Protein backbone atom coordinates (compact mmCIF):
# COMPACT_ATOMS: atom_id res chain seq x y z
CA UNK A 1 -46.44 28.37 66.90
CA UNK A 2 -45.98 30.03 63.49
CA UNK A 3 -43.55 32.89 63.03
CA UNK A 4 -45.39 36.22 62.95
CA UNK A 5 -43.05 37.49 60.24
CA UNK A 6 -44.31 36.35 56.83
CA UNK A 7 -42.00 34.90 54.19
CA UNK A 8 -43.87 36.83 51.50
CA UNK A 9 -41.71 39.61 50.04
CA UNK A 10 -44.62 42.06 49.70
CA UNK A 11 -45.80 41.52 53.30
CA UNK A 12 -42.33 42.12 54.74
CA UNK A 13 -41.96 45.21 52.54
CA UNK A 14 -45.29 46.56 53.81
CA UNK A 15 -44.33 45.97 57.46
CA UNK A 16 -41.05 47.81 56.95
CA UNK A 17 -42.88 50.77 55.43
CA UNK A 18 -45.38 50.86 58.32
CA UNK A 19 -42.54 51.07 60.85
CA UNK A 20 -40.54 53.68 58.92
CA UNK A 21 -43.67 55.78 58.30
CA UNK A 22 -44.58 55.63 62.00
CA UNK A 23 -41.18 56.97 63.10
CA UNK A 24 -41.16 59.57 60.33
CA UNK A 25 -43.94 61.33 62.26
CA UNK A 26 -42.32 63.84 64.63
CA UNK A 27 -45.04 63.59 67.29
CA UNK A 28 -44.69 59.80 67.42
CA UNK A 29 -40.90 60.04 67.57
CA UNK A 30 -41.02 62.44 70.51
CA UNK A 31 -43.67 60.40 72.35
CA UNK A 32 -41.70 57.17 71.98
CA UNK A 33 -38.31 58.75 72.58
CA UNK A 34 -36.90 59.41 69.11
CA UNK A 35 -36.63 63.21 69.21
CA UNK A 36 -34.03 63.70 66.49
CA UNK A 37 -31.63 61.79 64.31
CA UNK A 38 -28.93 60.36 66.56
CA UNK A 39 -30.09 62.50 69.50
CA UNK A 40 -30.84 61.41 73.04
CA UNK A 41 -34.46 60.22 73.31
CA UNK A 42 -36.36 61.68 76.28
CA UNK A 43 -39.94 60.36 76.51
CA UNK A 44 -42.17 62.70 78.49
CA UNK A 45 -42.64 61.67 82.14
CA UNK A 46 -40.50 58.59 81.66
CA UNK A 47 -37.11 57.64 83.04
CA UNK A 48 -35.61 55.07 80.66
CA UNK A 49 -32.27 53.49 81.49
CA UNK A 50 -29.12 54.40 79.52
CA UNK A 51 -29.34 50.99 77.83
CA UNK A 52 -32.87 51.73 76.65
CA UNK A 53 -31.79 55.13 75.38
CA UNK A 54 -29.04 53.53 73.33
CA UNK A 55 -31.41 50.92 71.91
CA UNK A 56 -34.07 53.50 71.13
CA UNK A 57 -31.80 56.11 69.57
CA UNK A 58 -28.47 55.00 68.17
CA UNK A 59 -29.59 51.42 67.50
CA UNK A 60 -32.67 52.43 65.53
CA UNK A 61 -30.94 55.00 63.35
CA UNK A 62 -27.61 53.20 62.95
CA UNK A 63 -28.75 49.58 62.69
CA UNK A 64 -32.42 49.21 61.83
CA UNK A 65 -33.00 52.10 59.43
CA UNK A 66 -30.04 51.38 57.05
CA UNK A 67 -31.10 47.73 56.76
CA UNK A 68 -34.71 48.74 56.15
CA UNK A 69 -33.63 51.13 53.40
CA UNK A 70 -31.41 48.45 51.82
CA UNK A 71 -34.32 46.00 51.79
CA UNK A 72 -36.64 48.59 50.21
CA UNK A 73 -34.08 49.30 47.49
CA UNK A 74 -33.70 45.58 46.78
CA UNK A 75 -37.47 45.10 46.76
CA UNK A 76 -38.03 47.96 44.28
CA UNK A 77 -35.44 46.45 41.92
CA UNK A 78 -36.93 42.94 42.31
CA UNK A 79 -40.45 44.25 41.69
CA UNK A 80 -39.49 45.25 38.12
CA UNK A 81 -40.53 41.85 36.78
CA UNK A 82 -39.45 42.47 33.18
CA UNK A 83 -35.89 43.21 34.31
CA UNK A 84 -35.69 40.76 37.23
CA UNK A 85 -32.67 38.46 37.39
CA UNK A 86 -31.62 35.75 39.88
CA UNK A 87 -29.21 38.30 41.36
CA UNK A 88 -32.15 40.59 42.21
CA UNK A 89 -33.89 37.75 44.07
CA UNK A 90 -30.74 36.78 46.00
CA UNK A 91 -30.15 40.41 46.97
CA UNK A 92 -33.72 40.72 48.20
CA UNK A 93 -33.44 37.50 50.24
CA UNK A 94 -30.19 38.68 51.85
CA UNK A 95 -31.59 42.07 52.83
CA UNK A 96 -34.81 40.47 54.09
CA UNK A 97 -32.86 38.17 56.42
CA UNK A 98 -31.02 41.12 57.90
CA UNK A 99 -34.07 43.31 58.37
CA UNK A 100 -36.29 40.51 59.75
CA UNK A 101 -33.82 40.04 62.61
CA UNK A 102 -33.88 43.79 63.29
CA UNK A 103 -37.70 43.81 63.17
CA UNK A 104 -37.81 41.14 65.86
CA UNK A 105 -35.37 43.15 67.99
CA UNK A 106 -37.39 46.33 67.55
CA UNK A 107 -40.62 44.52 68.44
CA UNK A 108 -39.08 43.15 71.65
CA UNK A 109 -37.72 46.56 72.62
CA UNK A 110 -41.01 48.36 72.04
CA UNK A 111 -43.05 45.70 73.87
CA UNK A 112 -40.82 46.14 76.93
CA UNK A 113 -41.39 49.92 77.13
CA UNK A 114 -44.50 50.80 79.16
CA UNK A 115 -45.23 54.00 77.22
CA UNK A 116 -45.58 52.07 73.94
CA UNK A 117 -49.24 51.07 73.56
CA UNK A 118 -50.79 48.09 71.80
CA UNK A 119 -52.25 50.58 69.32
CA UNK A 120 -48.72 51.77 68.50
CA UNK A 121 -47.68 48.15 67.89
CA UNK A 122 -50.68 47.51 65.65
CA UNK A 123 -50.03 50.62 63.56
CA UNK A 124 -46.48 49.36 62.93
CA UNK A 125 -47.76 45.90 61.94
CA UNK A 126 -46.40 44.21 65.07
CA UNK A 127 -48.20 41.63 67.24
CA UNK A 128 -49.70 43.24 70.34
CA UNK A 129 -49.08 42.26 73.95
CA UNK A 130 -51.40 39.61 75.32
CA UNK A 131 -52.12 39.15 79.00
CA UNK A 132 -51.16 35.65 80.07
CA UNK A 133 -51.30 33.60 83.24
CA UNK A 134 -48.97 30.96 81.85
CA UNK A 135 -45.52 30.48 83.31
CA UNK A 136 -43.01 31.65 80.69
CA UNK A 137 -40.98 28.86 79.16
CA UNK A 138 -37.33 28.82 80.23
CA UNK A 139 -34.44 29.03 77.78
CA UNK A 140 -33.08 25.53 77.02
CA UNK A 141 -29.78 24.61 78.70
CA UNK A 142 -28.50 23.20 75.42
CA UNK A 143 -27.57 24.83 72.11
CA UNK A 144 -28.01 23.97 68.41
CA UNK A 145 -25.00 21.93 67.32
CA UNK A 146 -24.04 21.73 63.67
CA UNK A 147 -23.88 18.11 62.54
CA UNK A 148 -23.42 18.74 58.82
CA UNK A 149 -22.16 21.86 57.05
CA UNK A 150 -21.81 21.83 53.30
CA UNK A 151 -21.46 24.08 50.28
CA UNK A 152 -23.22 21.99 47.61
CA UNK A 153 -23.48 24.70 44.95
CA UNK A 154 -21.39 27.83 44.27
CA UNK A 155 -22.09 30.49 46.87
CA UNK A 156 -24.52 28.36 48.90
CA UNK A 157 -23.86 27.12 52.45
CA UNK A 158 -26.23 24.70 54.21
CA UNK A 159 -26.05 24.07 57.97
CA UNK A 160 -27.91 21.10 59.47
CA UNK A 161 -28.15 21.20 63.25
CA UNK A 162 -29.44 19.19 66.23
CA UNK A 163 -29.89 19.77 69.95
CA UNK A 164 -26.57 19.41 71.78
CA UNK A 165 -28.07 17.45 74.70
CA UNK A 166 -30.80 15.28 73.17
CA UNK A 167 -28.96 14.92 69.80
CA UNK A 168 -32.38 15.13 68.14
CA UNK A 169 -33.12 17.42 65.20
CA UNK A 170 -36.34 18.55 66.87
CA UNK A 171 -36.22 21.73 68.95
CA UNK A 172 -35.96 21.15 72.72
CA UNK A 173 -38.80 22.17 75.04
CA UNK A 174 -39.08 25.93 75.34
CA UNK A 175 -37.19 26.73 72.12
CA UNK A 176 -38.85 28.79 69.39
CA UNK A 177 -35.92 28.43 67.03
CA UNK A 178 -32.19 28.74 66.49
CA UNK A 179 -30.35 32.06 66.23
CA UNK A 180 -27.08 31.89 64.30
CA UNK A 181 -24.33 34.50 64.26
CA UNK A 182 -21.85 34.33 61.40
CA UNK A 183 -19.28 36.29 59.42
CA UNK A 184 -16.72 35.83 56.65
CA UNK A 185 -13.34 36.59 58.25
CA UNK A 186 -9.71 36.31 57.22
CA UNK A 187 -8.72 34.83 60.57
CA UNK A 188 -10.39 33.04 63.46
CA UNK A 189 -12.47 35.43 65.59
CA UNK A 190 -11.33 36.23 69.13
CA UNK A 191 -14.89 36.93 70.32
CA UNK A 192 -18.45 36.20 69.30
CA UNK A 193 -19.03 39.93 68.72
CA UNK A 194 -16.99 39.69 65.51
CA UNK A 195 -19.75 37.49 64.04
CA UNK A 196 -21.85 40.48 63.02
CA UNK A 197 -24.45 38.82 60.75
CA UNK A 198 -27.43 36.93 62.15
CA UNK A 199 -30.18 34.66 60.89
CA UNK A 200 -33.09 33.05 62.77
CA UNK A 201 -34.55 29.67 61.82
CA UNK A 202 -37.36 27.60 63.31
CA UNK A 203 -36.29 24.43 61.48
CA UNK A 204 -33.07 22.77 60.34
CA UNK A 205 -31.29 23.31 57.99
CA UNK A 206 -30.23 26.94 57.64
CA UNK A 207 -29.28 28.00 54.12
CA UNK A 208 -27.03 30.98 53.37
CA UNK A 209 -26.47 32.55 49.97
CA UNK A 210 -23.27 34.45 49.18
CA UNK A 211 -22.12 36.38 46.16
CA UNK A 212 -19.87 34.29 43.92
CA UNK A 213 -17.01 36.68 44.69
CA UNK A 214 -17.05 35.17 48.22
CA UNK A 215 -16.06 31.69 47.00
CA UNK A 216 -12.99 30.39 48.79
CA UNK A 217 -13.51 32.61 51.84
CA UNK A 218 -13.98 31.14 55.29
CA UNK A 219 -17.11 31.79 57.33
CA UNK A 220 -17.31 31.32 61.08
CA UNK A 221 -20.58 30.63 62.89
CA UNK A 222 -22.13 29.81 66.24
CA UNK A 223 -25.72 29.15 67.33
CA UNK A 224 -27.98 29.39 70.37
CA UNK A 225 -31.61 28.55 71.12
CA UNK A 226 -34.14 31.36 71.43
CA UNK A 227 -37.38 30.91 73.40
CA UNK A 228 -40.84 32.32 72.68
CA UNK A 229 -40.14 35.58 74.51
CA UNK A 230 -36.87 36.26 72.68
CA UNK A 231 -34.48 35.18 75.45
CA UNK A 232 -31.29 33.47 74.31
CA UNK A 233 -29.59 30.41 75.72
CA UNK A 234 -25.88 29.61 75.64
CA UNK A 235 -24.03 29.72 72.34
CA UNK A 236 -22.25 26.65 71.07
CA UNK A 237 -18.62 26.57 69.91
CA UNK A 238 -17.60 28.60 66.87
CA UNK A 239 -17.16 26.42 63.77
CA UNK A 240 -16.01 27.29 60.26
CA UNK A 241 -16.44 26.34 56.61
CA UNK A 242 -14.98 27.38 53.27
CA UNK A 243 -17.57 28.82 50.87
CA UNK A 244 -17.57 26.61 47.77
């Protein structure tokens, strides 16, 4: 099953603008629960849980919107072809990775809310809900295990992974892809929550690009399988590597 998020820079940029434009409309914000910046969303005739309120309000404004704005800024600089440099492309790729993860999260949240219609999803450029009689695929009991981590060129880290149970590089049954959490830290993390950056991949390997000023720093990472409905399996152990 192909990923619904395109790898084309212009397509991702357009999707971001559709979402931001949708929530810039006050009527739509109120109807979906985004009454004001940082405020408590209160959809009419709905009774969302406190967790949903947090996801709808604080998460959107504090997590999604800043990353969307950063990606738009990077895209506008990259689009100036006559002045484009490799640094512009790397910056765009980094911001795209961050915002694509947030787009998937936002899509899952909105699909789960009964007052969000398929028309709303279409306007934002998201896939709509489809009625299905199929039994949903379970999350695999295994996790993606790193079998080779290298930094072959300055600022580049490549992570090859396989399934921890089958030891095959192919995804196990029910897995859509691997979700990796990572961060550059001065000391070993005490919890997975410290690994604040994420990247999703449907195939091995995963490639990360860092600014050259990050050379010599240690990154820590861990991975889990994600199924077609966005559910996560268990995370594997946290491993580390020095950025070359």
